[in-house]
Amino acid sequence: MAVRIDISTSKHELKLFDDHSLIKTYPIAVGKRSSPTPIGSYLIINKQSNPGGPFGVLWMGLSKPHYGIHGTNTPSSIGKDVSLGCIRMFNSDVLDLSSKIPIGTRVFIHQ
């Protein structure tokens, strides 16, 4: 079984799938109009706990340099188009997601 992540920027949703079964849906924040979240297929290439700055409790880097899925110190931003292109999650959600996926997990981002 292979887990994968499907991100809808228009719905502000990150869905975790195991093969074809939906495991969980998480609310997210995405890039603003001037710095949109990049559309395409990527991989999770690293994980870093307590990265500092605005990234909350965890950073998971994407195979597109400088972009990732991370926690936030501003939970009120979830559900909005506010980031510089990264995918923001509630800190508890990003920890939950990270515990369910290995490095190398496929991430598909679309509108």
PDB file of N, CA and C in Angstrom:
ATOM      1  N   MET A   1       0.848  -1.197   0.000  1.00  0.00           N
ATOM      2  CA  MET A   1       0.000   0.000   0.000  1.00  0.00           C
ATOM      3  C   MET A   1       0.884   1.248   0.000  1.00  0.00           C
ATOM      4  N   ALA A   2       0.468   2.210  -0.790  1.00  0.00           N
ATOM      5  CA  ALA A   2       1.232   3.459  -0.874  1.00  0.00           C
ATOM      6  C   ALA A   2       0.348   4.621  -0.442  1.00  0.00           C
ATOM      7  N   VAL A   3       0.859   5.418   0.475  1.00  0.00           N
ATOM      8  CA  VAL A   3       0.114   6.621   0.855  1.00  0.00           C
ATOM      9  C   VAL A   3       0.474   7.737  -0.104  1.00  0.00           C
ATOM     10  N   ARG A   4      -0.476   8.646  -0.300  1.00  0.00           N
ATOM     11  CA  ARG A   4      -0.239   9.810  -1.140  1.00  0.00           C
ATOM     12  C   ARG A   4      -1.060  10.961  -0.601  1.00  0.00           C
ATOM     13  N   ILE A   5      -0.646  12.173  -0.963  1.00  0.00           N
ATOM     14  CA  ILE A   5      -1.304  13.384  -0.510  1.00  0.00           C
ATOM     15  C   ILE A   5      -1.887  14.106  -1.718  1.00  0.00           C
ATOM     16  N   ASP A   6      -3.126  14.544  -1.586  1.00  0.00           N
ATOM     17  CA  ASP A   6      -3.805  15.317  -2.627  1.00  0.00           C
ATOM     18  C   ASP A   6      -4.194  16.652  -1.997  1.00  0.00           C
ATOM     19  N   ILE A   7      -3.724  17.758  -2.599  1.00  0.00           N
ATOM     20  CA  ILE A   7      -3.981  19.091  -2.054  1.00  0.00           C
ATOM     21  C   ILE A   7      -4.802  19.899  -3.044  1.00  0.00           C
ATOM     22  N   SER A   8      -5.948  20.407  -2.582  1.00  0.00           N
ATOM     23  CA  SER A   8      -6.775  21.317  -3.373  1.00  0.00           C
ATOM     24  C   SER A   8      -6.586  22.720  -2.822  1.00  0.00           C
ATOM     25  N   THR A   9      -5.977  23.597  -3.627  1.00  0.00           N
ATOM     26  CA  THR A   9      -5.755  24.972  -3.163  1.00  0.00           C
ATOM     27  C   THR A   9      -7.070  25.745  -3.094  1.00  0.00           C
ATOM     28  N   SER A  10      -8.015  25.441  -3.987  1.00  0.00           N
ATOM     29  CA  SER A  10      -9.284  26.177  -3.986  1.00  0.00           C
ATOM     30  C   SER A  10     -10.181  25.772  -2.823  1.00  0.00           C
ATOM     31  N   LYS A  11     -10.095  24.504  -2.405  1.00  0.00           N
ATOM     32  CA  LYS A  11     -10.923  24.018  -1.285  1.00  0.00           C
ATOM     33  C   LYS A  11     -10.206  24.141   0.058  1.00  0.00           C
ATOM     34  N   HIS A  12      -8.926  24.504   0.032  1.00  0.00           N
ATOM     35  CA  HIS A  12      -8.120  24.578   1.265  1.00  0.00           C
ATOM     36  C   HIS A  12      -8.161  23.242   2.012  1.00  0.00           C
ATOM     37  N   GLU A  13      -7.938  22.165   1.250  1.00  0.00           N
ATOM     38  CA  GLU A  13      -7.978  20.820   1.834  1.00  0.00           C
ATOM     39  C   GLU A  13      -6.749  20.017   1.428  1.00  0.00           C
ATOM     40  N   LEU A  14      -6.220  19.282   2.389  1.00  0.00           N
ATOM     41  CA  LEU A  14      -5.185  18.289   2.151  1.00  0.00           C
ATOM     42  C   LEU A  14      -5.798  16.949   2.485  1.00  0.00           C
ATOM     43  N   LYS A  15      -5.811  16.045   1.513  1.00  0.00           N
ATOM     44  CA  LYS A  15      -6.378  14.716   1.737  1.00  0.00           C
ATOM     45  C   LYS A  15      -5.265  13.683   1.696  1.00  0.00           C
ATOM     46  N   LEU A  16      -5.290  12.790   2.666  1.00  0.00           N
ATOM     47  CA  LEU A  16      -4.337  11.695   2.744  1.00  0.00           C
ATOM     48  C   LEU A  16      -5.035  10.419   2.300  1.00  0.00           C
ATOM     49  N   PHE A  17      -4.446   9.761   1.308  1.00  0.00           N
ATOM     50  CA  PHE A  17      -5.001   8.526   0.775  1.00  0.00           C
ATOM     51  C   PHE A  17      -4.038   7.370   1.000  1.00  0.00           C
ATOM     52  N   ASP A  18      -4.593   6.177   1.192  1.00  0.00           N
ATOM     53  CA  ASP A  18      -3.843   4.936   1.213  1.00  0.00           C
ATOM     54  C   ASP A  18      -4.377   4.140   0.032  1.00  0.00           C
ATOM     55  N   ASP A  19      -3.570   3.984  -1.007  1.00  0.00           N
ATOM     56  CA  ASP A  19      -4.050   3.465  -2.288  1.00  0.00           C
ATOM     57  C   ASP A  19      -5.223   4.338  -2.739  1.00  0.00           C
ATOM     58  N   HIS A  20      -6.433   3.789  -2.772  1.00  0.00           N
ATOM     59  CA  HIS A  20      -7.580   4.576  -3.232  1.00  0.00           C
ATOM     60  C   HIS A  20      -8.529   4.959  -2.107  1.00  0.00           C
ATOM     61  N   SER A  21      -8.172   4.630  -0.868  1.00  0.00           N
ATOM     62  CA  SER A  21      -9.036   4.925   0.267  1.00  0.00           C
ATOM     63  C   SER A  21      -8.625   6.227   0.951  1.00  0.00           C
ATOM     64  N   LEU A  22      -9.596   7.096   1.203  1.00  0.00           N
ATOM     65  CA  LEU A  22      -9.339   8.332   1.930  1.00  0.00           C
ATOM     66  C   LEU A  22      -9.124   8.001   3.399  1.00  0.00           C
ATOM     67  N   ILE A  23      -7.990   8.429   3.937  1.00  0.00           N
ATOM     68  CA  ILE A  23      -7.681   8.215   5.346  1.00  0.00           C
ATOM     69  C   ILE A  23      -8.170   9.396   6.175  1.00  0.00           C
ATOM     70  N   LYS A  24      -7.827  10.622   5.727  1.00  0.00           N
ATOM     71  CA  LYS A  24      -8.181  11.797   6.512  1.00  0.00           C
ATOM     72  C   LYS A  24      -8.106  13.040   5.643  1.00  0.00           C
ATOM     73  N   THR A  25      -8.926  14.032   5.976  1.00  0.00           N
ATOM     74  CA  THR A  25      -8.905  15.343   5.318  1.00  0.00           C
ATOM     75  C   THR A  25      -8.527  16.386   6.359  1.00  0.00           C
ATOM     76  N   TYR A  26      -7.594  17.264   5.994  1.00  0.00           N
ATOM     77  CA  TYR A  26      -7.116  18.316   6.885  1.00  0.00           C
ATOM     78  C   TYR A  26      -7.371  19.688   6.264  1.00  0.00           C
ATOM     79  N   PRO A  27      -7.755  20.677   7.067  1.00  0.00           N
ATOM     80  CA  PRO A  27      -7.859  22.054   6.554  1.00  0.00           C
ATOM     81  C   PRO A  27      -6.457  22.658   6.434  1.00  0.00           C
ATOM     82  N   ILE A  28      -6.253  23.486   5.421  1.00  0.00           N
ATOM     83  CA  ILE A  28      -4.936  24.086   5.189  1.00  0.00           C
ATOM     84  C   ILE A  28      -5.068  25.552   4.787  1.00  0.00           C
ATOM     85  N   ALA A  29      -3.962  26.255   4.837  1.00  0.00           N
ATOM     86  CA  ALA A  29      -3.816  27.572   4.211  1.00  0.00           C
ATOM     87  C   ALA A  29      -2.844  27.394   3.049  1.00  0.00           C
ATOM     88  N   VAL A  30      -3.024  28.204   2.014  1.00  0.00           N
ATOM     89  CA  VAL A  30      -2.187  28.108   0.819  1.00  0.00           C
ATOM     90  C   VAL A  30      -1.661  29.490   0.441  1.00  0.00           C
ATOM     91  N   GLY A  31      -0.935  29.535  -0.653  1.00  0.00           N
ATOM     92  CA  GLY A  31      -0.323  30.769  -1.108  1.00  0.00           C
ATOM     93  C   GLY A  31      -1.328  31.821  -1.523  1.00  0.00           C
ATOM     94  N   LYS A  32      -0.917  33.076  -1.313  1.00  0.00           N
ATOM     95  CA  LYS A  32      -1.765  34.188  -1.739  1.00  0.00           C
ATOM     96  C   LYS A  32      -1.586  34.404  -3.247  1.00  0.00           C
ATOM     97  N   ARG A  33      -2.415  35.278  -3.816  1.00  0.00           N
ATOM     98  CA  ARG A  33      -2.407  35.493  -5.262  1.00  0.00           C
ATOM     99  C   ARG A  33      -1.022  35.890  -5.774  1.00  0.00           C
ATOM    100  N   SER A  34      -0.301  36.712  -5.027  1.00  0.00           N
ATOM    101  CA  SER A  34       1.014  37.180  -5.466  1.00  0.00           C
ATOM    102  C   SER A  34       2.128  36.150  -5.261  1.00  0.00           C
ATOM    103  N   SER A  35       1.854  35.104  -4.504  1.00  0.00           N
ATOM    104  CA  SER A  35       2.839  34.037  -4.261  1.00  0.00           C
ATOM    105  C   SER A  35       2.094  32.703  -4.146  1.00  0.00           C
ATOM    106  N   PRO A  36       1.540  32.232  -5.271  1.00  0.00           N
ATOM    107  CA  PRO A  36       0.676  31.049  -5.226  1.00  0.00           C
ATOM    108  C   PRO A  36       1.423  29.758  -4.886  1.00  0.00           C
ATOM    109  N   THR A  37       0.685  28.822  -4.324  1.00  0.00           N
ATOM    110  CA  THR A  37       1.207  27.476  -4.093  1.00  0.00           C
ATOM    111  C   THR A  37       1.448  26.832  -5.455  1.00  0.00           C
ATOM    112  N   PRO A  38       2.616  26.220  -5.659  1.00  0.00           N
ATOM    113  CA  PRO A  38       2.925  25.646  -6.975  1.00  0.00           C
ATOM    114  C   PRO A  38       2.068  24.416  -7.282  1.00  0.00           C
ATOM    115  N   ILE A  39       1.461  24.424  -8.464  1.00  0.00           N
ATOM    116  CA  ILE A  39       0.645  23.303  -8.933  1.00  0.00           C
ATOM    117  C   ILE A  39       1.582  22.243  -9.506  1.00  0.00           C
ATOM    118  N   GLY A  40       1.287  20.978  -9.249  1.00  0.00           N
ATOM    119  CA  GLY A  40       2.096  19.909  -9.827  1.00  0.00           C
ATOM    120  C   GLY A  40       2.257  18.728  -8.903  1.00  0.00           C
ATOM    121  N   SER A  41       3.139  17.811  -9.292  1.00  0.00           N
ATOM    122  CA  SER A  41       3.421  16.605  -8.517  1.00  0.00           C
ATOM    123  C   SER A  41       4.813  16.698  -7.916  1.00  0.00           C
ATOM    124  N   TYR A  42       4.900  16.419  -6.620  1.00  0.00           N
ATOM    125  CA  TYR A  42       6.155  16.541  -5.895  1.00  0.00           C
ATOM    126  C   TYR A  42       6.301  15.356  -4.945  1.00  0.00           C
ATOM    127  N   LEU A  43       7.422  15.323  -4.245  1.00  0.00           N
ATOM    128  CA  LEU A  43       7.672  14.314  -3.216  1.00  0.00           C
ATOM    129  C   LEU A  43       8.029  15.014  -1.915  1.00  0.00           C
ATOM    130  N   ILE A  44       7.719  14.369  -0.795  1.00  0.00           N
ATOM    131  CA  ILE A  44       8.229  14.811   0.509  1.00  0.00           C
ATOM    132  C   ILE A  44       9.687  14.374   0.567  1.00  0.00           C
ATOM    133  N   ILE A  45      10.619  15.335   0.736  1.00  0.00           N
ATOM    134  CA  ILE A  45      12.039  14.976   0.701  1.00  0.00           C
ATOM    135  C   ILE A  45      12.729  15.045   2.061  1.00  0.00           C
ATOM    136  N   ASN A  46      12.093  15.712   3.041  1.00  0.00           N
ATOM    137  CA  ASN A  46      12.688  15.751   4.374  1.00  0.00           C
ATOM    138  C   ASN A  46      11.642  16.167   5.399  1.00  0.00           C
ATOM    139  N   LYS A  47      11.989  15.960   6.661  1.00  0.00           N
ATOM    140  CA  LYS A  47      11.142  16.386   7.782  1.00  0.00           C
ATOM    141  C   LYS A  47      12.064  17.013   8.824  1.00  0.00           C
ATOM    142  N   GLN A  48      11.619  18.119   9.388  1.00  0.00           N
ATOM    143  CA  GLN A  48      12.414  18.782  10.433  1.00  0.00           C
ATOM    144  C   GLN A  48      11.491  19.225  11.557  1.00  0.00           C
ATOM    145  N   SER A  49      11.762  18.736  12.764  1.00  0.00           N
ATOM    146  CA  SER A  49      10.998  19.144  13.936  1.00  0.00           C
ATOM    147  C   SER A  49      11.484  20.494  14.431  1.00  0.00           C
ATOM    148  N   ASN A  50      10.559  21.296  14.940  1.00  0.00           N
ATOM    149  CA  ASN A  50      10.869  22.605  15.518  1.00  0.00           C
ATOM    150  C   ASN A  50      11.821  23.424  14.646  1.00  0.00           C
ATOM    151  N   PRO A  51      11.403  23.733  13.393  1.00  0.00           N
ATOM    152  CA  PRO A  51      12.297  24.433  12.468  1.00  0.00           C
ATOM    153  C   PRO A  51      12.524  25.901  12.810  1.00  0.00           C
ATOM    154  N   GLY A  52      11.746  26.443  13.731  1.00  0.00           N
ATOM    155  CA  GLY A  52      11.886  27.854  14.086  1.00  0.00           C
ATOM    156  C   GLY A  52      11.112  28.748  13.135  1.00  0.00           C
ATOM    157  N   GLY A  53      11.122  30.022  13.435  1.00  0.00           N
ATOM    158  CA  GLY A  53      10.405  30.977  12.590  1.00  0.00           C
ATOM    159  C   GLY A  53       8.914  30.716  12.585  1.00  0.00           C
ATOM    160  N   PRO A  54       8.264  30.996  11.457  1.00  0.00           N
ATOM    161  CA  PRO A  54       6.808  30.889  11.381  1.00  0.00           C
ATOM    162  C   PRO A  54       6.304  29.487  11.034  1.00  0.00           C
ATOM    163  N   PHE A  55       7.180  28.489  11.063  1.00  0.00           N
ATOM    164  CA  PHE A  55       6.835  27.174  10.525  1.00  0.00           C
ATOM    165  C   PHE A  55       6.224  26.213  11.531  1.00  0.00           C
ATOM    166  N   GLY A  56       5.876  26.700  12.710  1.00  0.00           N
ATOM    167  CA  GLY A  56       5.218  25.849  13.692  1.00  0.00           C
ATOM    168  C   GLY A  56       6.137  24.744  14.193  1.00  0.00           C
ATOM    169  N   VAL A  57       5.540  23.592  14.488  1.00  0.00           N
ATOM    170  CA  VAL A  57       6.271  22.503  15.147  1.00  0.00           C
ATOM    171  C   VAL A  57       6.986  21.568  14.181  1.00  0.00           C
ATOM    172  N   LEU A  58       6.689  21.664  12.867  1.00  0.00           N
ATOM    173  CA  LEU A  58       7.264  20.694  11.930  1.00  0.00           C
ATOM    174  C   LEU A  58       7.279  21.255  10.520  1.00  0.00           C
ATOM    175  N   TRP A  59       8.341  20.958   9.787  1.00  0.00           N
ATOM    176  CA  TRP A  59       8.497  21.290   8.369  1.00  0.00           C
ATOM    177  C   TRP A  59       8.698  19.991   7.605  1.00  0.00           C
ATOM    178  N   MET A  60       7.940  19.819   6.516  1.00  0.00           N
ATOM    179  CA  MET A  60       8.163  18.713   5.584  1.00  0.00           C
ATOM    180  C   MET A  60       8.439  19.339   4.224  1.00  0.00           C
ATOM    181  N   GLY A  61       9.678  19.200   3.756  1.00  0.00           N
ATOM    182  CA  GLY A  61      10.081  19.826   2.514  1.00  0.00           C
ATOM    183  C   GLY A  61       9.574  19.076   1.294  1.00  0.00           C
ATOM    184  N   LEU A  62       9.185  19.844   0.268  1.00  0.00           N
ATOM    185  CA  LEU A  62       8.784  19.265  -1.012  1.00  0.00           C
ATOM    186  C   LEU A  62       9.976  19.219  -1.962  1.00  0.00           C
ATOM    187  N   SER A  63       9.863  18.397  -3.005  1.00  0.00           N
ATOM    188  CA  SER A  63      10.928  18.293  -3.999  1.00  0.00           C
ATOM    189  C   SER A  63      11.032  19.556  -4.844  1.00  0.00           C
ATOM    190  N   LYS A  64      10.121  20.513  -4.682  1.00  0.00           N
ATOM    191  CA  LYS A  64      10.270  21.842  -5.281  1.00  0.00           C
ATOM    192  C   LYS A  64      10.976  22.698  -4.237  1.00  0.00           C
ATOM    193  N   PRO A  65      12.214  23.156  -4.528  1.00  0.00           N
ATOM    194  CA  PRO A  65      12.987  23.890  -3.522  1.00  0.00           C
ATOM    195  C   PRO A  65      12.230  25.080  -2.926  1.00  0.00           C
ATOM    196  N   HIS A  66      12.399  25.264  -1.636  1.00  0.00           N
ATOM    197  CA  HIS A  66      11.841  26.383  -0.859  1.00  0.00           C
ATOM    198  C   HIS A  66      10.346  26.245  -0.566  1.00  0.00           C
ATOM    199  N   TYR A  67       9.729  25.113  -0.884  1.00  0.00           N
ATOM    200  CA  TYR A  67       8.308  24.902  -0.615  1.00  0.00           C
ATOM    201  C   TYR A  67       8.144  23.693   0.292  1.00  0.00           C
ATOM    202  N   GLY A  68       7.119  23.757   1.135  1.00  0.00           N
ATOM    203  CA  GLY A  68       6.884  22.641   2.029  1.00  0.00           C
ATOM    204  C   GLY A  68       5.496  22.666   2.632  1.00  0.00           C
ATOM    205  N   ILE A  69       5.244  21.646   3.425  1.00  0.00           N
ATOM    206  CA  ILE A  69       4.036  21.528   4.238  1.00  0.00           C
ATOM    207  C   ILE A  69       4.511  21.712   5.666  1.00  0.00           C
ATOM    208  N   HIS A  70       3.909  22.645   6.382  1.00  0.00           N
ATOM    209  CA  HIS A  70       4.408  22.928   7.726  1.00  0.00           C
ATOM    210  C   HIS A  70       3.301  23.389   8.661  1.00  0.00           C
ATOM    211  N   GLY A  71       3.629  23.400   9.944  1.00  0.00           N
ATOM    212  CA  GLY A  71       2.725  23.936  10.953  1.00  0.00           C
ATOM    213  C   GLY A  71       2.701  25.445  10.864  1.00  0.00           C
ATOM    214  N   THR A  72       2.005  26.068  11.792  1.00  0.00           N
ATOM    215  CA  THR A  72       1.933  27.528  11.776  1.00  0.00           C
ATOM    216  C   THR A  72       1.845  28.073  13.192  1.00  0.00           C
ATOM    217  N   ASN A  73       2.394  29.251  13.376  1.00  0.00           N
ATOM    218  CA  ASN A  73       2.240  29.987  14.630  1.00  0.00           C
ATOM    219  C   ASN A  73       1.020  30.895  14.565  1.00  0.00           C
ATOM    220  N   THR A  74       0.311  30.873  13.431  1.00  0.00           N
ATOM    221  CA  THR A  74      -0.875  31.713  13.219  1.00  0.00           C
ATOM    222  C   THR A  74      -2.050  30.826  12.816  1.00  0.00           C
ATOM    223  N   PRO A  75      -2.646  30.111  13.780  1.00  0.00           N
ATOM    224  CA  PRO A  75      -3.720  29.174  13.422  1.00  0.00           C
ATOM    225  C   PRO A  75      -4.922  29.838  12.757  1.00  0.00           C
ATOM    226  N   SER A  76      -5.119  31.138  12.985  1.00  0.00           N
ATOM    227  CA  SER A  76      -6.253  31.825  12.345  1.00  0.00           C
ATOM    228  C   SER A  76      -6.080  31.940  10.833  1.00  0.00           C
ATOM    229  N   SER A  77      -4.882  31.628  10.318  1.00  0.00           N
ATOM    230  CA  SER A  77      -4.648  31.709   8.865  1.00  0.00           C
ATOM    231  C   SER A  77      -5.164  30.483   8.116  1.00  0.00           C
ATOM    232  N   ILE A  78      -5.438  29.394   8.820  1.00  0.00           N
ATOM    233  CA  ILE A  78      -5.900  28.169   8.153  1.00  0.00           C
ATOM    234  C   ILE A  78      -7.233  28.442   7.467  1.00  0.00           C
ATOM    235  N   GLY A  79      -7.328  27.964   6.220  1.00  0.00           N
ATOM    236  CA  GLY A  79      -8.533  28.174   5.425  1.00  0.00           C
ATOM    237  C   GLY A  79      -8.442  29.387   4.515  1.00  0.00           C
ATOM    238  N   LYS A  80      -7.281  30.034   4.512  1.00  0.00           N
ATOM    239  CA  LYS A  80      -7.131  31.270   3.739  1.00  0.00           C
ATOM    240  C   LYS A  80      -5.974  31.172   2.751  1.00  0.00           C
ATOM    241  N   ASP A  81      -5.914  32.136   1.827  1.00  0.00           N
ATOM    242  CA  ASP A  81      -4.818  32.276   0.865  1.00  0.00           C
ATOM    243  C   ASP A  81      -3.866  33.332   1.426  1.00  0.00           C
ATOM    244  N   VAL A  82      -2.891  32.908   2.218  1.00  0.00           N
ATOM    245  CA  VAL A  82      -2.068  33.873   2.958  1.00  0.00           C
ATOM    246  C   VAL A  82      -0.565  33.617   2.914  1.00  0.00           C
ATOM    247  N   SER A  83      -0.140  32.442   2.498  1.00  0.00           N
ATOM    248  CA  SER A  83       1.275  32.100   2.620  1.00  0.00           C
ATOM    249  C   SER A  83       2.083  32.592   1.415  1.00  0.00           C
ATOM    250  N   LEU A  84       3.378  32.355   1.492  1.00  0.00           N
ATOM    251  CA  LEU A  84       4.262  32.669   0.365  1.00  0.00           C
ATOM    252  C   LEU A  84       4.337  31.500  -0.613  1.00  0.00           C
ATOM    253  N   GLY A  85       3.401  30.569  -0.509  1.00  0.00           N
ATOM    254  CA  GLY A  85       3.340  29.435  -1.429  1.00  0.00           C
ATOM    255  C   GLY A  85       3.350  28.090  -0.731  1.00  0.00           C
ATOM    256  N   CYS A  86       3.776  28.060   0.520  1.00  0.00           N
ATOM    257  CA  CYS A  86       3.775  26.805   1.268  1.00  0.00           C
ATOM    258  C   CYS A  86       2.358  26.429   1.699  1.00  0.00           C
ATOM    259  N   ILE A  87       2.235  25.189   2.149  1.00  0.00           N
ATOM    260  CA  ILE A  87       0.977  24.682   2.677  1.00  0.00           C
ATOM    261  C   ILE A  87       1.083  24.713   4.196  1.00  0.00           C
ATOM    262  N   ARG A  88       0.225  25.498   4.833  1.00  0.00           N
ATOM    263  CA  ARG A  88       0.206  25.604   6.299  1.00  0.00           C
ATOM    264  C   ARG A  88      -0.870  24.700   6.866  1.00  0.00           C
ATOM    265  N   MET A  89      -0.564  24.095   8.006  1.00  0.00           N
ATOM    266  CA  MET A  89      -1.526  23.252   8.721  1.00  0.00           C
ATOM    267  C   MET A  89      -1.512  23.628  10.201  1.00  0.00           C
ATOM    268  N   PHE A  90      -2.600  23.278  10.895  1.00  0.00           N
ATOM    269  CA  PHE A  90      -2.572  23.384  12.347  1.00  0.00           C
ATOM    270  C   PHE A  90      -1.419  22.517  12.850  1.00  0.00           C
ATOM    271  N   ASN A  91      -0.737  22.942  13.905  1.00  0.00           N
ATOM    272  CA  ASN A  91       0.401  22.183  14.424  1.00  0.00           C
ATOM    273  C   ASN A  91       0.022  20.745  14.761  1.00  0.00           C
ATOM    274  N   SER A  92      -1.122  20.544  15.394  1.00  0.00           N
ATOM    275  CA  SER A  92      -1.530  19.170  15.740  1.00  0.00           C
ATOM    276  C   SER A  92      -1.762  18.341  14.480  1.00  0.00           C
ATOM    277  N   ASP A  93      -2.287  18.965  13.419  1.00  0.00           N
ATOM    278  CA  ASP A  93      -2.545  18.238  12.168  1.00  0.00           C
ATOM    279  C   ASP A  93      -1.254  17.878  11.444  1.00  0.00           C
ATOM    280  N   VAL A  94      -0.281  18.789  11.413  1.00  0.00           N
ATOM    281  CA  VAL A  94       0.962  18.483  10.689  1.00  0.00           C
ATOM    282  C   VAL A  94       1.724  17.365  11.407  1.00  0.00           C
ATOM    283  N   LEU A  95       1.639  17.310  12.730  1.00  0.00           N
ATOM    284  CA  LEU A  95       2.257  16.208  13.468  1.00  0.00           C
ATOM    285  C   LEU A  95       1.549  14.893  13.175  1.00  0.00           C
ATOM    286  N   ASP A  96       0.221  14.930  13.122  1.00  0.00           N
ATOM    287  CA  ASP A  96      -0.565  13.738  12.810  1.00  0.00           C
ATOM    288  C   ASP A  96      -0.229  13.238  11.410  1.00  0.00           C
ATOM    289  N   LEU A  97      -0.232  14.148  10.439  1.00  0.00           N
ATOM    290  CA  LEU A  97       0.076  13.773   9.054  1.00  0.00           C
ATOM    291  C   LEU A  97       1.478  13.190   8.949  1.00  0.00           C
ATOM    292  N   SER A  98       2.444  13.846   9.557  1.00  0.00           N
ATOM    293  CA  SER A  98       3.831  13.386   9.477  1.00  0.00           C
ATOM    294  C   SER A  98       3.993  11.980  10.030  1.00  0.00           C
ATOM    295  N   SER A  99       3.233  11.662  11.062  1.00  0.00           N
ATOM    296  CA  SER A  99       3.337  10.326  11.669  1.00  0.00           C
ATOM    297  C   SER A  99       2.796   9.231  10.753  1.00  0.00           C
ATOM    298  N   LYS A 100       2.026   9.620   9.741  1.00  0.00           N
ATOM    299  CA  LYS A 100       1.383   8.652   8.847  1.00  0.00           C
ATOM    300  C   LYS A 100       2.099   8.497   7.506  1.00  0.00           C
ATOM    301  N   ILE A 101       3.086   9.354   7.219  1.00  0.00           N
ATOM    302  CA  ILE A 101       3.707   9.309   5.893  1.00  0.00           C
ATOM    303  C   ILE A 101       5.225   9.202   5.988  1.00  0.00           C
ATOM    304  N   PRO A 102       5.827   8.439   5.066  1.00  0.00           N
ATOM    305  CA  PRO A 102       7.288   8.381   5.012  1.00  0.00           C
ATOM    306  C   PRO A 102       7.849   9.452   4.070  1.00  0.00           C
ATOM    307  N   ILE A 103       9.122   9.725   4.210  1.00  0.00           N
ATOM    308  CA  ILE A 103       9.812  10.532   3.200  1.00  0.00           C
ATOM    309  C   ILE A 103       9.678   9.789   1.873  1.00  0.00           C
ATOM    310  N   GLY A 104       9.443  10.524   0.805  1.00  0.00           N
ATOM    311  CA  GLY A 104       9.203   9.918  -0.503  1.00  0.00           C
ATOM    312  C   GLY A 104       7.732   9.878  -0.879  1.00  0.00           C
ATOM    313  N   THR A 105       6.852  10.269   0.062  1.00  0.00           N
ATOM    314  CA  THR A 105       5.417  10.295  -0.225  1.00  0.00           C
ATOM    315  C   THR A 105       5.125  11.271  -1.364  1.00  0.00           C
ATOM    316  N   ARG A 106       4.275  10.845  -2.294  1.00  0.00           N
ATOM    317  CA  ARG A 106       3.885  11.687  -3.426  1.00  0.00           C
ATOM    318  C   ARG A 106       2.863  12.729  -2.982  1.00  0.00           C
ATOM    319  N   VAL A 107       3.026  13.953  -3.496  1.00  0.00           N
ATOM    320  CA  VAL A 107       2.134  15.079  -3.193  1.00  0.00           C
ATOM    321  C   VAL A 107       1.661  15.656  -4.509  1.00  0.00           C
ATOM    322  N   PHE A 108       0.336  15.654  -4.727  1.00  0.00           N
ATOM    323  CA  PHE A 108      -0.237  16.228  -5.941  1.00  0.00           C
ATOM    324  C   PHE A 108      -1.009  17.492  -5.542  1.00  0.00           C
ATOM    325  N   ILE A 109      -0.606  18.631  -6.108  1.00  0.00           N
ATOM    326  CA  ILE A 109      -1.230  19.912  -5.789  1.00  0.00           C
ATOM    327  C   ILE A 109      -1.969  20.422  -7.013  1.00  0.00           C
ATOM    328  N   HIS A 110      -3.235  20.778  -6.819  1.00  0.00           N
ATOM    329  CA  HIS A 110      -4.079  21.262  -7.910  1.00  0.00           C
ATOM    330  C   HIS A 110      -5.031  22.304  -7.350  1.00  0.00           C
ATOM    331  N   GLN A 111      -5.737  22.977  -8.287  1.00  0.00           N
ATOM    332  CA  GLN A 111      -6.720  23.956  -7.819  1.00  0.00           C
ATOM    333  C   GLN A 111      -7.931  23.222  -7.272  1.00  0.00           C
TER     334      GLN A 111
END
